[in-house]
N, C-alpha and C. Protein backbone atom coordinates (compact mmCIF):
# COMPACT_ATOMS: atom_id res chain seq x y z
N UNK A 1 158.52 34.40 96.86
CA UNK A 1 158.58 35.85 96.74
C UNK A 1 157.28 36.40 96.14
N UNK A 2 156.74 35.70 95.13
CA UNK A 2 155.54 36.18 94.46
C UNK A 2 154.33 36.07 95.39
N UNK A 3 154.28 35.02 96.21
CA UNK A 3 153.15 34.86 97.12
C UNK A 3 153.17 35.93 98.22
N UNK A 4 154.37 36.31 98.65
CA UNK A 4 154.48 37.37 99.66
C UNK A 4 154.03 38.70 99.08
N UNK A 5 154.36 38.94 97.80
CA UNK A 5 153.93 40.17 97.13
C UNK A 5 152.43 40.18 96.95
N UNK A 6 151.85 39.02 96.61
CA UNK A 6 150.40 38.91 96.43
C UNK A 6 149.68 39.15 97.77
N UNK A 7 150.19 38.58 98.84
CA UNK A 7 149.60 38.78 100.17
C UNK A 7 149.70 40.25 100.59
N UNK A 8 150.83 40.86 100.31
CA UNK A 8 150.99 42.28 100.65
C UNK A 8 149.99 43.14 99.88
N UNK A 9 149.79 42.85 98.61
CA UNK A 9 148.82 43.61 97.80
C UNK A 9 147.40 43.40 98.31
N UNK A 10 147.06 42.19 98.71
CA UNK A 10 145.73 41.92 99.23
C UNK A 10 145.50 42.66 100.55
N UNK A 11 146.50 42.66 101.41
CA UNK A 11 146.38 43.38 102.68
C UNK A 11 146.28 44.89 102.45
N UNK A 12 147.02 45.40 101.50
CA UNK A 12 146.96 46.82 101.17
C UNK A 12 145.59 47.18 100.61
N UNK A 13 145.02 46.32 99.76
CA UNK A 13 143.69 46.55 99.21
C UNK A 13 142.65 46.51 100.33
N UNK A 14 142.77 45.58 101.26
CA UNK A 14 141.84 45.49 102.38
C UNK A 14 141.93 46.74 103.26
N UNK A 15 143.14 47.20 103.52
CA UNK A 15 143.31 48.41 104.34
C UNK A 15 142.70 49.63 103.64
N UNK A 16 142.90 49.74 102.34
CA UNK A 16 142.31 50.86 101.59
C UNK A 16 140.79 50.79 101.63
N UNK A 17 140.23 49.60 101.50
CA UNK A 17 138.78 49.43 101.55
C UNK A 17 138.23 49.83 102.92
N UNK A 18 138.88 49.41 103.98
CA UNK A 18 138.43 49.76 105.33
C UNK A 18 138.51 51.27 105.58
N UNK A 19 139.56 51.91 105.10
CA UNK A 19 139.68 53.36 105.24
C UNK A 19 138.59 54.06 104.45
N UNK A 20 138.31 53.59 103.25
CA UNK A 20 137.26 54.17 102.41
C UNK A 20 135.89 54.06 103.10
N UNK A 21 135.59 52.90 103.67
CA UNK A 21 134.32 52.72 104.38
C UNK A 21 134.25 53.62 105.60
N UNK A 22 135.33 53.72 106.36
CA UNK A 22 135.34 54.56 107.56
C UNK A 22 135.13 56.04 107.20
N UNK A 23 135.78 56.50 106.15
CA UNK A 23 135.60 57.89 105.72
C UNK A 23 134.17 58.12 105.26
N UNK A 24 133.58 57.16 104.56
CA UNK A 24 132.20 57.28 104.11
C UNK A 24 131.23 57.37 105.27
N UNK A 25 131.42 56.54 106.29
CA UNK A 25 130.55 56.58 107.47
C UNK A 25 130.72 57.90 108.20
N UNK A 26 131.96 58.35 108.36
CA UNK A 26 132.21 59.63 109.02
C UNK A 26 131.57 60.78 108.26
N UNK A 27 131.69 60.76 106.95
CA UNK A 27 131.09 61.81 106.11
C UNK A 27 129.57 61.80 106.26
N UNK A 28 128.97 60.61 106.20
CA UNK A 28 127.51 60.51 106.27
C UNK A 28 126.99 60.98 107.62
N UNK A 29 127.66 60.62 108.70
CA UNK A 29 127.19 61.00 110.04
C UNK A 29 127.45 62.47 110.36
N UNK A 30 128.45 63.06 109.74
CA UNK A 30 128.84 64.43 110.11
C UNK A 30 128.22 65.48 109.20
N UNK A 31 128.30 65.28 107.88
CA UNK A 31 127.94 66.37 106.97
C UNK A 31 126.63 66.18 106.22
N UNK A 32 126.12 64.98 106.15
CA UNK A 32 124.88 64.76 105.43
C UNK A 32 123.70 65.08 106.35
N UNK A 33 122.80 65.92 105.88
CA UNK A 33 121.64 66.31 106.69
C UNK A 33 120.67 65.13 106.74
N UNK A 34 120.35 64.72 107.94
CA UNK A 34 119.43 63.61 108.11
C UNK A 34 117.99 64.10 107.96
N UNK A 35 117.30 63.56 106.98
CA UNK A 35 115.92 63.95 106.73
C UNK A 35 115.00 62.82 107.16
N UNK A 36 113.86 63.15 107.73
CA UNK A 36 112.94 62.08 108.11
C UNK A 36 112.36 61.42 106.87
N UNK A 37 112.09 60.15 107.00
CA UNK A 37 111.51 59.41 105.89
C UNK A 37 110.01 59.62 105.88
N UNK A 38 109.41 59.62 104.72
CA UNK A 38 107.97 59.78 104.58
C UNK A 38 107.25 58.49 104.95
N UNK A 39 106.01 58.63 105.33
CA UNK A 39 105.17 57.50 105.66
C UNK A 39 104.07 57.42 104.61
N UNK A 40 103.92 56.27 104.02
CA UNK A 40 102.91 56.08 102.98
C UNK A 40 101.84 55.16 103.55
N UNK A 41 100.59 55.61 103.47
CA UNK A 41 99.47 54.82 103.95
C UNK A 41 98.64 54.40 102.75
N UNK A 42 98.42 53.11 102.62
CA UNK A 42 97.60 52.58 101.53
C UNK A 42 96.21 52.24 102.07
N UNK A 43 95.21 52.79 101.47
CA UNK A 43 93.84 52.46 101.82
C UNK A 43 93.19 51.81 100.60
N UNK A 44 92.77 50.58 100.79
CA UNK A 44 92.17 49.86 99.67
C UNK A 44 90.70 50.17 99.52
N UNK A 45 90.15 49.85 98.35
CA UNK A 45 88.72 50.02 98.12
C UNK A 45 87.95 49.09 99.06
N UNK A 46 86.87 49.60 99.60
CA UNK A 46 86.04 48.80 100.48
C UNK A 46 86.60 48.67 101.88
N UNK A 47 87.59 49.46 102.22
CA UNK A 47 88.16 49.41 103.57
C UNK A 47 87.29 50.26 104.48
N UNK A 48 86.34 49.62 105.11
CA UNK A 48 85.39 50.32 105.97
C UNK A 48 85.80 50.16 107.41
N UNK A 49 85.07 50.85 108.29
CA UNK A 49 85.37 50.75 109.71
C UNK A 49 85.13 49.32 110.22
N UNK A 50 84.17 48.61 109.61
CA UNK A 50 83.94 47.22 110.02
C UNK A 50 85.15 46.34 109.69
N UNK A 51 85.76 46.56 108.54
CA UNK A 51 86.93 45.78 108.15
C UNK A 51 88.11 46.08 109.07
N UNK A 52 88.29 47.35 109.40
CA UNK A 52 89.39 47.74 110.29
C UNK A 52 89.17 47.14 111.68
N UNK A 53 87.94 47.18 112.18
CA UNK A 53 87.64 46.63 113.49
C UNK A 53 87.89 45.12 113.50
N UNK A 54 87.49 44.45 112.45
CA UNK A 54 87.72 43.01 112.36
C UNK A 54 89.22 42.70 112.36
N UNK A 55 90.00 43.49 111.65
CA UNK A 55 91.45 43.28 111.62
C UNK A 55 92.06 43.52 112.99
N UNK A 56 91.58 44.54 113.69
CA UNK A 56 92.09 44.81 115.04
C UNK A 56 91.78 43.65 115.98
N UNK A 57 90.55 43.15 115.91
CA UNK A 57 90.16 42.04 116.77
C UNK A 57 90.97 40.78 116.45
N UNK A 58 91.24 40.57 115.17
CA UNK A 58 92.04 39.42 114.75
C UNK A 58 93.46 39.51 115.32
N UNK A 59 94.02 40.73 115.38
CA UNK A 59 95.37 40.92 115.91
C UNK A 59 95.41 40.87 117.43
N UNK A 60 94.24 40.90 118.06
CA UNK A 60 94.21 40.80 119.53
C UNK A 60 94.18 42.14 120.23
N UNK A 61 93.94 43.21 119.51
CA UNK A 61 93.87 44.53 120.12
C UNK A 61 92.52 44.66 120.85
N UNK A 62 92.53 45.20 122.07
CA UNK A 62 91.27 45.31 122.81
C UNK A 62 90.31 46.31 122.15
N UNK A 63 89.05 46.10 122.40
CA UNK A 63 88.02 46.97 121.84
C UNK A 63 87.98 48.27 122.64
N UNK A 64 88.04 49.40 121.94
CA UNK A 64 87.94 50.71 122.59
C UNK A 64 86.71 51.41 122.04
N UNK A 65 86.00 52.04 122.93
CA UNK A 65 84.77 52.73 122.52
C UNK A 65 84.96 54.21 122.65
């Protein structure tokens, strides 16, 4: 009897968790305003055009003039 009660409580907790997650996803997709994320560019000291060109060539990008 006790194991059946424990299983029932676990299933009830799982069902509540799934409903909570579903409501959260629905809320986020419907009412939360989606804002674009910012882009952060890091430029290090001594980052010259020669260094950038060397990095491009290393990555296999073709040379453009």
